[in-house]
């Protein structure tokens, strides 16, 4: 095993490098992922130094709305909404503006600082896009929350229109390394995803881009994904841990361990020291009882449900944050 006996001093050195803005070498990055469980708390402590330097003990909450579900022509193997999925999920066209505002009200009540609106599909039709623009304006007019949209593949003009409507951030995940992308999707390529992220940046919007871990990728694939996000200087990085949903091609994918998830989070914190790192989908399923440890590395989580899978009760999230000694943040303001 690579550096099986690596000491806590070594992890501290990685934290020093991250705080200095230096990039980890590939051998050091592999060592993070391949370390023995006995080193885990030392790794988390080192990553916490980096997290605390940039974010203090603040935790941001995001709320995710699946505003259009299912009926997607893409073949993403992890997704219950794809054309090749037989998962039993609700399928519906774009929600009415009234229902979107109702969801925004719930997000506000749950103390979310960011309202994330997602739709299924390769990219929005002009009719759907126009309705989304109107819904964004309505939400921004009523609630003091950041608005993020995840709408599939976009060009720069579409990103500029979203910015003009009041969108603060656009999410488009790279999902995995370029070398592994064809193993999880064939109807669009890694370069398509990369082009969308760059179009968002060219439009002057902040970018939200991360990945899904646990899809059978190698350690080097994980490192490549993190390095790609670092090179893009993305603002927010959601780390999803695969939920093997029955009816999808990855339904039988071997489960991650909570320790593996924490090591992945540590690697992303070392390589993306100042970014907002969010523990996203799969948090409850894969981290399980070790979820509080994730807060010492990441500074953001989703509150409420995910696209087609439920999250844990918001009250449990509040208790977890409080008991671990962290503070809630919404719209860049701390709340009691």
C-alpha atoms as a PDB file:
ATOM      1  CA  UNK A   1       0.000   0.000   0.000  1.00  0.00           C
ATOM      2  CA  UNK A   2       1.379   3.431  -0.934  1.00  0.00           C
ATOM      3  CA  UNK A   3       2.713   5.211   2.156  1.00  0.00           C
ATOM      4  CA  UNK A   4       0.641   3.009   4.455  1.00  0.00           C
ATOM      5  CA  UNK A   5       2.496   4.346   7.487  1.00  0.00           C
ATOM      6  CA  UNK A   6       2.285   8.024   6.546  1.00  0.00           C
ATOM      7  CA  UNK A   7       2.299  10.201   9.672  1.00  0.00           C
ATOM      8  CA  UNK A   8       0.132  13.109  10.815  1.00  0.00           C
ATOM      9  CA  UNK A   9       3.098  15.386  10.142  1.00  0.00           C
ATOM     10  CA  UNK A  10       2.824  14.566   6.449  1.00  0.00           C
ATOM     11  CA  UNK A  11      -0.861  15.526   6.401  1.00  0.00           C
ATOM     12  CA  UNK A  12       0.002  18.774   8.106  1.00  0.00           C
ATOM     13  CA  UNK A  13       2.531  19.441   5.353  1.00  0.00           C
ATOM     14  CA  UNK A  14      -0.190  18.936   2.740  1.00  0.00           C
ATOM     15  CA  UNK A  15      -2.307  21.491   4.588  1.00  0.00           C
ATOM     16  CA  UNK A  16       0.627  23.941   4.533  1.00  0.00           C
ATOM     17  CA  UNK A  17       0.975  23.444   0.785  1.00  0.00           C
ATOM     18  CA  UNK A  18      -2.735  24.015   0.230  1.00  0.00           C
ATOM     19  CA  UNK A  19      -2.710  27.170   2.365  1.00  0.00           C
ATOM     20  CA  UNK A  20       0.239  28.439   0.341  1.00  0.00           C
ATOM     21  CA  UNK A  21      -1.710  27.846  -2.878  1.00  0.00           C
ATOM     22  CA  UNK A  22       0.594  25.065  -4.048  1.00  0.00           C
ATOM     23  CA  UNK A  23      -0.788  22.114  -5.980  1.00  0.00           C
ATOM     24  CA  UNK A  24      -0.289  18.617  -4.594  1.00  0.00           C
ATOM     25  CA  UNK A  25       1.868  16.270  -6.601  1.00  0.00           C
ATOM     26  CA  UNK A  26       0.123  13.249  -8.054  1.00  0.00           C
ATOM     27  CA  UNK A  27       1.909  10.847  -5.652  1.00  0.00           C
ATOM     28  CA  UNK A  28       0.763  12.981  -2.712  1.00  0.00           C
ATOM     29  CA  UNK A  29      -2.800  13.041  -4.066  1.00  0.00           C
ATOM     30  CA  UNK A  30      -2.755   9.252  -4.427  1.00  0.00           C
ATOM     31  CA  UNK A  31      -1.475   8.971  -0.872  1.00  0.00           C
ATOM     32  CA  UNK A  32      -4.528  10.902   0.362  1.00  0.00           C
ATOM     33  CA  UNK A  33      -6.889   8.465  -1.337  1.00  0.00           C
ATOM     34  CA  UNK A  34      -4.952   5.313  -0.442  1.00  0.00           C
ATOM     35  CA  UNK A  35      -4.127   6.066   3.182  1.00  0.00           C
ATOM     36  CA  UNK A  36      -5.140   3.536   5.854  1.00  0.00           C
ATOM     37  CA  UNK A  37      -8.185   4.190   8.006  1.00  0.00           C
ATOM     38  CA  UNK A  38      -5.928   4.760  11.024  1.00  0.00           C
ATOM     39  CA  UNK A  39      -4.750   7.992   9.361  1.00  0.00           C
ATOM     40  CA  UNK A  40      -8.254   9.297   8.655  1.00  0.00           C
ATOM     41  CA  UNK A  41      -8.663  11.625  11.627  1.00  0.00           C
ATOM     42  CA  UNK A  42      -5.252  13.169  10.955  1.00  0.00           C
ATOM     43  CA  UNK A  43      -6.262  13.740   7.331  1.00  0.00           C
ATOM     44  CA  UNK A  44      -9.551  15.351   8.350  1.00  0.00           C
ATOM     45  CA  UNK A  45      -7.762  17.552  10.903  1.00  0.00           C
ATOM     46  CA  UNK A  46      -5.327  18.752   8.245  1.00  0.00           C
ATOM     47  CA  UNK A  47      -8.136  19.456   5.759  1.00  0.00           C
ATOM     48  CA  UNK A  48     -10.045  21.291   8.515  1.00  0.00           C
ATOM     49  CA  UNK A  49      -7.112  23.716   8.901  1.00  0.00           C
ATOM     50  CA  UNK A  50      -7.547  24.663   5.250  1.00  0.00           C
ATOM     51  CA  UNK A  51     -11.327  24.835   5.484  1.00  0.00           C
ATOM     52  CA  UNK A  52     -11.197  26.995   8.631  1.00  0.00           C
ATOM     53  CA  UNK A  53      -8.688  29.399   7.098  1.00  0.00           C
ATOM     54  CA  UNK A  54     -11.012  30.184   4.195  1.00  0.00           C
ATOM     55  CA  UNK A  55     -14.470  29.605   5.691  1.00  0.00           C
ATOM     56  CA  UNK A  56     -14.198  29.654   9.449  1.00  0.00           C
ATOM     57  CA  UNK A  57     -16.884  27.500  11.047  1.00  0.00           C
ATOM     58  CA  UNK A  58     -19.630  28.662   8.690  1.00  0.00           C
ATOM     59  CA  UNK A  59     -21.870  26.180   6.859  1.00  0.00           C
ATOM     60  CA  UNK A  60     -23.870  27.219   3.794  1.00  0.00           C
ATOM     61  CA  UNK A  61     -27.199  25.567   3.034  1.00  0.00           C
ATOM     62  CA  UNK A  62     -28.492  25.026  -0.496  1.00  0.00           C
ATOM     63  CA  UNK A  63     -31.983  23.897  -1.482  1.00  0.00           C
ATOM     64  CA  UNK A  64     -32.489  21.874  -4.663  1.00  0.00           C
ATOM     65  CA  UNK A  65     -35.716  21.864  -6.692  1.00  0.00           C
ATOM     66  CA  UNK A  66     -36.268  19.321  -9.466  1.00  0.00           C
ATOM     67  CA  UNK A  67     -38.337  21.693 -11.592  1.00  0.00           C
ATOM     68  CA  UNK A  68     -38.671  19.292 -14.539  1.00  0.00           C
ATOM     69  CA  UNK A  69     -38.329  15.570 -13.990  1.00  0.00           C
ATOM     70  CA  UNK A  70     -37.575  12.583 -16.195  1.00  0.00           C
ATOM     71  CA  UNK A  71     -38.136  12.261 -19.936  1.00  0.00           C
ATOM     72  CA  UNK A  72     -34.445  12.930 -20.628  1.00  0.00           C
ATOM     73  CA  UNK A  73     -32.933  11.792 -23.975  1.00  0.00           C
ATOM     74  CA  UNK A  74     -29.434  11.348 -22.509  1.00  0.00           C
ATOM     75  CA  UNK A  75     -28.016   7.997 -21.370  1.00  0.00           C
ATOM     76  CA  UNK A  76     -26.133   9.007 -18.199  1.00  0.00           C
ATOM     77  CA  UNK A  77     -25.721   5.669 -16.444  1.00  0.00           C
ATOM     78  CA  UNK A  78     -26.058   7.051 -12.911  1.00  0.00           C
ATOM     79  CA  UNK A  79     -29.281   8.975 -13.515  1.00  0.00           C
ATOM     80  CA  UNK A  80     -32.807   7.793 -12.774  1.00  0.00           C
ATOM     81  CA  UNK A  81     -34.168  10.391 -15.225  1.00  0.00           C
ATOM     82  CA  UNK A  82     -32.257   9.161 -18.303  1.00  0.00           C
ATOM     83  CA  UNK A  83     -33.832   7.431 -21.299  1.00  0.00           C
ATOM     84  CA  UNK A  84     -32.199   4.110 -20.357  1.00  0.00           C
ATOM     85  CA  UNK A  85     -33.462   4.140 -16.765  1.00  0.00           C
ATOM     86  CA  UNK A  86     -36.398   2.041 -15.632  1.00  0.00           C
ATOM     87  CA  UNK A  87     -36.420   3.580 -12.157  1.00  0.00           C
ATOM     88  CA  UNK A  88     -39.828   4.421 -10.781  1.00  0.00           C
ATOM     89  CA  UNK A  89     -39.756   8.190 -10.436  1.00  0.00           C
ATOM     90  CA  UNK A  90     -42.174  11.046 -10.905  1.00  0.00           C
ATOM     91  CA  UNK A  91     -42.029  12.469 -14.431  1.00  0.00           C
ATOM     92  CA  UNK A  92     -43.420  15.906 -15.206  1.00  0.00           C
ATOM     93  CA  UNK A  93     -42.830  18.948 -17.436  1.00  0.00           C
ATOM     94  CA  UNK A  94     -41.594  22.276 -16.083  1.00  0.00           C
ATOM     95  CA  UNK A  95     -43.410  23.251 -12.906  1.00  0.00           C
ATOM     96  CA  UNK A  96     -45.618  26.321 -12.949  1.00  0.00           C
ATOM     97  CA  UNK A  97     -44.211  29.576 -11.632  1.00  0.00           C
ATOM     98  CA  UNK A  98     -46.579  29.275  -8.679  1.00  0.00           C
ATOM     99  CA  UNK A  99     -45.098  25.909  -7.688  1.00  0.00           C
ATOM    100  CA  UNK A 100     -41.548  27.178  -8.158  1.00  0.00           C
ATOM    101  CA  UNK A 101     -42.310  30.135  -5.872  1.00  0.00           C
ATOM    102  CA  UNK A 102     -43.795  27.743  -3.336  1.00  0.00           C
ATOM    103  CA  UNK A 103     -40.555  25.741  -3.394  1.00  0.00           C
ATOM    104  CA  UNK A 104     -38.558  28.966  -2.983  1.00  0.00           C
ATOM    105  CA  UNK A 105     -40.682  29.808   0.048  1.00  0.00           C
ATOM    106  CA  UNK A 106     -39.819  26.418   1.558  1.00  0.00           C
ATOM    107  CA  UNK A 107     -36.135  26.962   0.799  1.00  0.00           C
ATOM    108  CA  UNK A 108     -36.291  30.320   2.577  1.00  0.00           C
ATOM    109  CA  UNK A 109     -38.046  28.769   5.571  1.00  0.00           C
ATOM    110  CA  UNK A 110     -35.363  26.059   5.725  1.00  0.00           C
ATOM    111  CA  UNK A 111     -32.715  28.807   5.992  1.00  0.00           C
ATOM    112  CA  UNK A 112     -31.115  28.044   2.631  1.00  0.00           C
ATOM    113  CA  UNK A 113     -28.877  30.763   1.271  1.00  0.00           C
ATOM    114  CA  UNK A 114     -29.090  29.419  -2.270  1.00  0.00           C
ATOM    115  CA  UNK A 115     -32.124  28.200  -4.206  1.00  0.00           C
ATOM    116  CA  UNK A 116     -31.024  25.740  -6.894  1.00  0.00           C
ATOM    117  CA  UNK A 117     -33.429  25.059  -9.746  1.00  0.00           C
ATOM    118  CA  UNK A 118     -32.721  22.019 -11.947  1.00  0.00           C
ATOM    119  CA  UNK A 119     -34.411  20.568 -15.007  1.00  0.00           C
ATOM    120  CA  UNK A 120     -33.925  17.248 -16.765  1.00  0.00           C
ATOM    121  CA  UNK A 121     -32.898  17.087 -20.411  1.00  0.00           C
ATOM    122  CA  UNK A 122     -29.941  17.764 -22.672  1.00  0.00           C
ATOM    123  CA  UNK A 123     -30.648  21.509 -22.822  1.00  0.00           C
ATOM    124  CA  UNK A 124     -33.786  23.634 -22.435  1.00  0.00           C
ATOM    125  CA  UNK A 125     -36.110  24.453 -25.314  1.00  0.00           C
ATOM    126  CA  UNK A 126     -36.676  28.161 -25.946  1.00  0.00           C
ATOM    127  CA  UNK A 127     -40.173  27.914 -24.477  1.00  0.00           C
ATOM    128  CA  UNK A 128     -38.890  26.268 -21.297  1.00  0.00           C
ATOM    129  CA  UNK A 129     -35.972  28.674 -21.109  1.00  0.00           C
ATOM    130  CA  UNK A 130     -38.295  31.684 -21.292  1.00  0.00           C
ATOM    131  CA  UNK A 131     -40.416  30.301 -18.460  1.00  0.00           C
ATOM    132  CA  UNK A 132     -37.310  29.702 -16.367  1.00  0.00           C
ATOM    133  CA  UNK A 133     -36.176  33.295 -16.875  1.00  0.00           C
ATOM    134  CA  UNK A 134     -39.564  34.531 -15.653  1.00  0.00           C
ATOM    135  CA  UNK A 135     -39.472  32.207 -12.644  1.00  0.00           C
ATOM    136  CA  UNK A 136     -35.972  33.385 -11.696  1.00  0.00           C
ATOM    137  CA  UNK A 137     -37.090  37.029 -11.782  1.00  0.00           C
ATOM    138  CA  UNK A 138     -40.080  36.185  -9.592  1.00  0.00           C
ATOM    139  CA  UNK A 139     -37.954  34.347  -7.020  1.00  0.00           C
ATOM    140  CA  UNK A 140     -35.331  37.101  -6.887  1.00  0.00           C
ATOM    141  CA  UNK A 141     -38.015  39.742  -6.420  1.00  0.00           C
ATOM    142  CA  UNK A 142     -39.466  37.979  -3.401  1.00  0.00           C
ATOM    143  CA  UNK A 143     -36.687  36.178  -1.520  1.00  0.00           C
ATOM    144  CA  UNK A 144     -33.201  37.244  -0.335  1.00  0.00           C
ATOM    145  CA  UNK A 145     -31.500  34.127  -1.666  1.00  0.00           C
ATOM    146  CA  UNK A 146     -28.889  33.416  -4.289  1.00  0.00           C
ATOM    147  CA  UNK A 147     -30.361  31.591  -7.306  1.00  0.00           C
ATOM    148  CA  UNK A 148     -28.481  28.823  -9.083  1.00  0.00           C
ATOM    149  CA  UNK A 149     -29.752  26.961 -12.139  1.00  0.00           C
ATOM    150  CA  UNK A 150     -28.712  23.636 -13.613  1.00  0.00           C
ATOM    151  CA  UNK A 151     -30.232  23.358 -17.061  1.00  0.00           C
ATOM    152  CA  UNK A 152     -27.993  21.006 -19.043  1.00  0.00           C
ATOM    153  CA  UNK A 153     -25.777  22.128 -21.892  1.00  0.00           C
ATOM    154  CA  UNK A 154     -25.769  25.904 -22.425  1.00  0.00           C
ATOM    155  CA  UNK A 155     -24.020  28.417 -24.667  1.00  0.00           C
ATOM    156  CA  UNK A 156     -22.692  31.838 -23.704  1.00  0.00           C
ATOM    157  CA  UNK A 157     -25.759  33.701 -24.951  1.00  0.00           C
ATOM    158  CA  UNK A 158     -28.058  31.590 -22.802  1.00  0.00           C
ATOM    159  CA  UNK A 159     -25.788  32.153 -19.813  1.00  0.00           C
ATOM    160  CA  UNK A 160     -25.908  35.908 -20.416  1.00  0.00           C
ATOM    161  CA  UNK A 161     -29.711  35.837 -20.520  1.00  0.00           C
ATOM    162  CA  UNK A 162     -29.774  33.948 -17.228  1.00  0.00           C
ATOM    163  CA  UNK A 163     -27.444  36.507 -15.686  1.00  0.00           C
ATOM    164  CA  UNK A 164     -29.686  39.338 -16.873  1.00  0.00           C
ATOM    165  CA  UNK A 165     -32.687  37.621 -15.253  1.00  0.00           C
ATOM    166  CA  UNK A 166     -30.908  37.559 -11.901  1.00  0.00           C
ATOM    167  CA  UNK A 167     -29.243  34.157 -11.779  1.00  0.00           C
ATOM    168  CA  UNK A 168     -26.213  34.306  -9.485  1.00  0.00           C
ATOM    169  CA  UNK A 169     -24.590  31.022 -10.413  1.00  0.00           C
ATOM    170  CA  UNK A 170     -24.940  28.219 -12.946  1.00  0.00           C
ATOM    171  CA  UNK A 171     -24.212  24.603 -12.120  1.00  0.00           C
ATOM    172  CA  UNK A 172     -22.879  22.169 -14.666  1.00  0.00           C
ATOM    173  CA  UNK A 173     -20.880  19.252 -13.305  1.00  0.00           C
ATOM    174  CA  UNK A 174     -17.961  17.715 -15.153  1.00  0.00           C
ATOM    175  CA  UNK A 175     -19.087  14.555 -13.307  1.00  0.00           C
ATOM    176  CA  UNK A 176     -15.869  12.584 -13.790  1.00  0.00           C
ATOM    177  CA  UNK A 177     -12.477  12.648 -15.475  1.00  0.00           C
ATOM    178  CA  UNK A 178     -12.304  13.078 -19.237  1.00  0.00           C
ATOM    179  CA  UNK A 179     -10.730   9.617 -19.606  1.00  0.00           C
ATOM    180  CA  UNK A 180     -13.651   7.940 -17.812  1.00  0.00           C
ATOM    181  CA  UNK A 181     -16.565   9.966 -19.179  1.00  0.00           C
ATOM    182  CA  UNK A 182     -17.420   7.557 -22.015  1.00  0.00           C
ATOM    183  CA  UNK A 183     -17.961   4.819 -19.411  1.00  0.00           C
ATOM    184  CA  UNK A 184     -20.876   6.692 -17.872  1.00  0.00           C
ATOM    185  CA  UNK A 185     -22.397   8.575 -20.826  1.00  0.00           C
ATOM    186  CA  UNK A 186     -22.280   8.297 -24.627  1.00  0.00           C
ATOM    187  CA  UNK A 187     -24.915  10.797 -25.781  1.00  0.00           C
ATOM    188  CA  UNK A 188     -22.693  13.756 -24.978  1.00  0.00           C
ATOM    189  CA  UNK A 189     -19.003  14.067 -24.248  1.00  0.00           C
ATOM    190  CA  UNK A 190     -16.755  15.547 -21.599  1.00  0.00           C
ATOM    191  CA  UNK A 191     -15.883  18.395 -23.955  1.00  0.00           C
ATOM    192  CA  UNK A 192     -19.580  19.325 -24.162  1.00  0.00           C
ATOM    193  CA  UNK A 193     -19.663  19.702 -20.400  1.00  0.00           C
ATOM    194  CA  UNK A 194     -16.399  21.612 -20.352  1.00  0.00           C
ATOM    195  CA  UNK A 195     -17.710  24.001 -23.025  1.00  0.00           C
ATOM    196  CA  UNK A 196     -20.760  24.788 -20.892  1.00  0.00           C
ATOM    197  CA  UNK A 197     -18.632  25.629 -17.849  1.00  0.00           C
ATOM    198  CA  UNK A 198     -16.460  27.915 -19.983  1.00  0.00           C
ATOM    199  CA  UNK A 199     -19.543  29.564 -21.536  1.00  0.00           C
ATOM    200  CA  UNK A 200     -20.848  30.349 -18.052  1.00  0.00           C
ATOM    201  CA  UNK A 201     -17.514  31.901 -17.088  1.00  0.00           C
ATOM    202  CA  UNK A 202     -17.380  33.917 -20.322  1.00  0.00           C
ATOM    203  CA  UNK A 203     -20.806  35.335 -19.488  1.00  0.00           C
ATOM    204  CA  UNK A 204     -19.437  36.678 -16.209  1.00  0.00           C
ATOM    205  CA  UNK A 205     -21.298  34.277 -13.929  1.00  0.00           C
ATOM    206  CA  UNK A 206     -19.789  32.327 -11.080  1.00  0.00           C
ATOM    207  CA  UNK A 207     -19.495  28.642 -11.763  1.00  0.00           C
ATOM    208  CA  UNK A 208     -20.659  25.621  -9.825  1.00  0.00           C
ATOM    209  CA  UNK A 209     -19.103  22.392 -11.056  1.00  0.00           C
ATOM    210  CA  UNK A 210     -18.188  19.135  -9.385  1.00  0.00           C
ATOM    211  CA  UNK A 211     -18.593  15.433  -9.854  1.00  0.00           C
ATOM    212  CA  UNK A 212     -20.121  12.122  -8.889  1.00  0.00           C
ATOM    213  CA  UNK A 213     -17.810   9.735  -7.080  1.00  0.00           C
ATOM    214  CA  UNK A 214     -18.219   6.004  -6.699  1.00  0.00           C
ATOM    215  CA  UNK A 215     -19.111   5.187 -10.328  1.00  0.00           C
ATOM    216  CA  UNK A 216     -16.199   2.775 -10.784  1.00  0.00           C
ATOM    217  CA  UNK A 217     -13.594   5.430 -11.532  1.00  0.00           C
ATOM    218  CA  UNK A 218      -9.934   4.969 -10.558  1.00  0.00           C
ATOM    219  CA  UNK A 219      -7.970   7.036  -8.073  1.00  0.00           C
ATOM    220  CA  UNK A 220      -6.279   8.801 -10.976  1.00  0.00           C
ATOM    221  CA  UNK A 221      -9.700   9.632 -12.436  1.00  0.00           C
ATOM    222  CA  UNK A 222     -10.668  11.278  -9.150  1.00  0.00           C
ATOM    223  CA  UNK A 223      -7.423  13.231  -9.099  1.00  0.00           C
ATOM    224  CA  UNK A 224      -7.879  14.280 -12.736  1.00  0.00           C
ATOM    225  CA  UNK A 225     -11.382  15.560 -11.992  1.00  0.00           C
ATOM    226  CA  UNK A 226     -10.155  17.620  -9.058  1.00  0.00           C
ATOM    227  CA  UNK A 227      -7.248  19.011 -11.080  1.00  0.00           C
ATOM    228  CA  UNK A 228      -9.587  19.947 -13.932  1.00  0.00           C
ATOM    229  CA  UNK A 229     -11.834  21.872 -11.547  1.00  0.00           C
ATOM    230  CA  UNK A 230      -8.777  23.575 -10.083  1.00  0.00           C
ATOM    231  CA  UNK A 231      -7.576  24.636 -13.534  1.00  0.00           C
ATOM    232  CA  UNK A 232     -11.008  26.087 -14.283  1.00  0.00           C
ATOM    233  CA  UNK A 233     -11.046  28.056 -11.009  1.00  0.00           C
ATOM    234  CA  UNK A 234     -14.675  27.129 -10.398  1.00  0.00           C
ATOM    235  CA  UNK A 235     -16.341  28.867  -7.458  1.00  0.00           C
ATOM    236  CA  UNK A 236     -18.486  26.102  -5.976  1.00  0.00           C
ATOM    237  CA  UNK A 237     -17.770  22.363  -6.047  1.00  0.00           C
ATOM    238  CA  UNK A 238     -20.578  19.894  -5.292  1.00  0.00           C
ATOM    239  CA  UNK A 239     -19.260  16.430  -4.429  1.00  0.00           C
ATOM    240  CA  UNK A 240     -21.930  13.810  -5.078  1.00  0.00           C
ATOM    241  CA  UNK A 241     -21.505  10.233  -3.893  1.00  0.00           C
ATOM    242  CA  UNK A 242     -23.289   7.768  -6.143  1.00  0.00           C
ATOM    243  CA  UNK A 243     -26.641   6.458  -4.979  1.00  0.00           C
ATOM    244  CA  UNK A 244     -27.012   3.131  -6.854  1.00  0.00           C
ATOM    245  CA  UNK A 245     -30.645   3.580  -7.913  1.00  0.00           C
ATOM    246  CA  UNK A 246     -32.534   0.413  -8.975  1.00  0.00           C
ATOM    247  CA  UNK A 247     -33.348   0.602 -12.667  1.00  0.00           C
ATOM    248  CA  UNK A 248     -30.135   2.404 -13.645  1.00  0.00           C
ATOM    249  CA  UNK A 249     -27.030   0.762 -15.155  1.00  0.00           C
ATOM    250  CA  UNK A 250     -25.055   1.529 -12.001  1.00  0.00           C
ATOM    251  CA  UNK A 251     -27.611  -0.030  -9.666  1.00  0.00           C
ATOM    252  CA  UNK A 252     -25.172  -2.807  -8.705  1.00  0.00           C
ATOM    253  CA  UNK A 253     -22.122  -0.579  -8.332  1.00  0.00           C
ATOM    254  CA  UNK A 254     -20.222  -1.415  -5.163  1.00  0.00           C
ATOM    255  CA  UNK A 255     -20.977   0.958  -2.328  1.00  0.00           C
ATOM    256  CA  UNK A 256     -18.456   3.453  -1.047  1.00  0.00           C
ATOM    257  CA  UNK A 257     -17.365   3.378   2.573  1.00  0.00           C
ATOM    258  CA  UNK A 258     -17.731   6.456   4.774  1.00  0.00           C
ATOM    259  CA  UNK A 259     -13.944   6.484   5.160  1.00  0.00           C
ATOM    260  CA  UNK A 260     -13.425   6.516   1.399  1.00  0.00           C
ATOM    261  CA  UNK A 261     -15.863   9.412   1.074  1.00  0.00           C
ATOM    262  CA  UNK A 262     -14.001  11.412   3.702  1.00  0.00           C
ATOM    263  CA  UNK A 263     -10.658  10.804   2.000  1.00  0.00           C
ATOM    264  CA  UNK A 264     -12.151  12.029  -1.285  1.00  0.00           C
ATOM    265  CA  UNK A 265     -13.430  15.175   0.431  1.00  0.00           C
ATOM    266  CA  UNK A 266      -9.980  15.762   1.962  1.00  0.00           C
ATOM    267  CA  UNK A 267      -8.334  15.466  -1.444  1.00  0.00           C
ATOM    268  CA  UNK A 268     -10.699  18.026  -2.951  1.00  0.00           C
ATOM    269  CA  UNK A 269     -10.098  20.414  -0.044  1.00  0.00           C
ATOM    270  CA  UNK A 270      -6.311  20.141  -0.460  1.00  0.00           C
ATOM    271  CA  UNK A 271      -6.562  20.728  -4.217  1.00  0.00           C
ATOM    272  CA  UNK A 272      -9.361  23.334  -4.053  1.00  0.00           C
ATOM    273  CA  UNK A 273      -8.510  25.098  -0.799  1.00  0.00           C
ATOM    274  CA  UNK A 274     -10.606  28.260  -1.085  1.00  0.00           C
ATOM    275  CA  UNK A 275     -13.587  26.917  -3.005  1.00  0.00           C
ATOM    276  CA  UNK A 276     -17.010  26.300  -1.560  1.00  0.00           C
ATOM    277  CA  UNK A 277     -17.084  22.510  -1.328  1.00  0.00           C
ATOM    278  CA  UNK A 278     -20.538  21.017  -0.909  1.00  0.00           C
ATOM    279  CA  UNK A 279     -21.395  17.498   0.203  1.00  0.00           C
ATOM    280  CA  UNK A 280     -24.250  16.903  -2.213  1.00  0.00           C
ATOM    281  CA  UNK A 281     -26.242  13.839  -3.307  1.00  0.00           C
ATOM    282  CA  UNK A 282     -25.485  10.587  -1.491  1.00  0.00           C
ATOM    283  CA  UNK A 283     -24.381  12.247   1.736  1.00  0.00           C
ATOM    284  CA  UNK A 284     -26.840  10.335   3.889  1.00  0.00           C
ATOM    285  CA  UNK A 285     -26.405   7.050   1.988  1.00  0.00           C
ATOM    286  CA  UNK A 286     -22.618   6.885   1.796  1.00  0.00           C
ATOM    287  CA  UNK A 287     -21.298   8.902   4.755  1.00  0.00           C
ATOM    288  CA  UNK A 288     -24.049   7.674   7.043  1.00  0.00           C
ATOM    289  CA  UNK A 289     -23.148   8.205  10.734  1.00  0.00           C
ATOM    290  CA  UNK A 290     -19.886   9.931   9.772  1.00  0.00           C
ATOM    291  CA  UNK A 291     -21.687  12.866   8.128  1.00  0.00           C
ATOM    292  CA  UNK A 292     -20.580  15.325  10.867  1.00  0.00           C
ATOM    293  CA  UNK A 293     -16.924  14.632  10.033  1.00  0.00           C
ATOM    294  CA  UNK A 294     -17.611  15.785   6.490  1.00  0.00           C
ATOM    295  CA  UNK A 295     -18.378  19.273   7.804  1.00  0.00           C
ATOM    296  CA  UNK A 296     -14.788  19.605   8.987  1.00  0.00           C
ATOM    297  CA  UNK A 297     -13.720  19.397   5.326  1.00  0.00           C
ATOM    298  CA  UNK A 298     -16.648  20.759   3.310  1.00  0.00           C
ATOM    299  CA  UNK A 299     -18.417  24.028   4.112  1.00  0.00           C
ATOM    300  CA  UNK A 300     -21.748  23.491   2.369  1.00  0.00           C
ATOM    301  CA  UNK A 301     -24.570  20.937   2.161  1.00  0.00           C
ATOM    302  CA  UNK A 302     -27.984  20.572   0.597  1.00  0.00           C
ATOM    303  CA  UNK A 303     -30.933  20.813   2.955  1.00  0.00           C
ATOM    304  CA  UNK A 304     -34.088  18.915   1.990  1.00  0.00           C
ATOM    305  CA  UNK A 305     -34.355  16.410  -0.844  1.00  0.00           C
ATOM    306  CA  UNK A 306     -32.317  15.796  -4.000  1.00  0.00           C
ATOM    307  CA  UNK A 307     -33.514  15.392  -7.578  1.00  0.00           C
ATOM    308  CA  UNK A 308     -35.269  12.030  -7.274  1.00  0.00           C
ATOM    309  CA  UNK A 309     -34.051  10.765  -3.883  1.00  0.00           C
ATOM    310  CA  UNK A 310     -34.915  12.001  -0.378  1.00  0.00           C
ATOM    311  CA  UNK A 311     -32.518  13.686   2.004  1.00  0.00           C
ATOM    312  CA  UNK A 312     -32.622  13.564   5.767  1.00  0.00           C
ATOM    313  CA  UNK A 313     -34.906  15.836   7.786  1.00  0.00           C
ATOM    314  CA  UNK A 314     -33.759  19.443   7.922  1.00  0.00           C
ATOM    315  CA  UNK A 315     -33.940  19.431  11.713  1.00  0.00           C
ATOM    316  CA  UNK A 316     -31.334  16.659  11.804  1.00  0.00           C
ATOM    317  CA  UNK A 317     -29.073  18.791   9.613  1.00  0.00           C
ATOM    318  CA  UNK A 318     -29.457  21.758  11.965  1.00  0.00           C
ATOM    319  CA  UNK A 319     -28.688  19.551  14.964  1.00  0.00           C
ATOM    320  CA  UNK A 320     -25.660  18.043  13.228  1.00  0.00           C
ATOM    321  CA  UNK A 321     -24.286  21.485  12.373  1.00  0.00           C
ATOM    322  CA  UNK A 322     -24.896  22.816  15.882  1.00  0.00           C
ATOM    323  CA  UNK A 323     -23.540  19.762  17.695  1.00  0.00           C
ATOM    324  CA  UNK A 324     -20.337  19.839  15.642  1.00  0.00           C
ATOM    325  CA  UNK A 325     -19.775  23.467  16.653  1.00  0.00           C
ATOM    326  CA  UNK A 326     -20.552  25.079  13.288  1.00  0.00           C
ATOM    327  CA  UNK A 327     -22.761  28.059  12.418  1.00  0.00           C
ATOM    328  CA  UNK A 328     -25.413  28.415   9.741  1.00  0.00           C
ATOM    329  CA  UNK A 329     -24.911  30.997   7.035  1.00  0.00           C
ATOM    330  CA  UNK A 330     -27.506  32.284   4.619  1.00  0.00           C
ATOM    331  CA  UNK A 331     -27.166  34.959   1.950  1.00  0.00           C
ATOM    332  CA  UNK A 332     -23.663  35.638   3.298  1.00  0.00           C
ATOM    333  CA  UNK A 333     -25.094  36.475   6.745  1.00  0.00           C
ATOM    334  CA  UNK A 334     -24.877  34.353   9.859  1.00  0.00           C
ATOM    335  CA  UNK A 335     -28.187  33.448  11.434  1.00  0.00           C
ATOM    336  CA  UNK A 336     -28.915  32.337  14.957  1.00  0.00           C
END
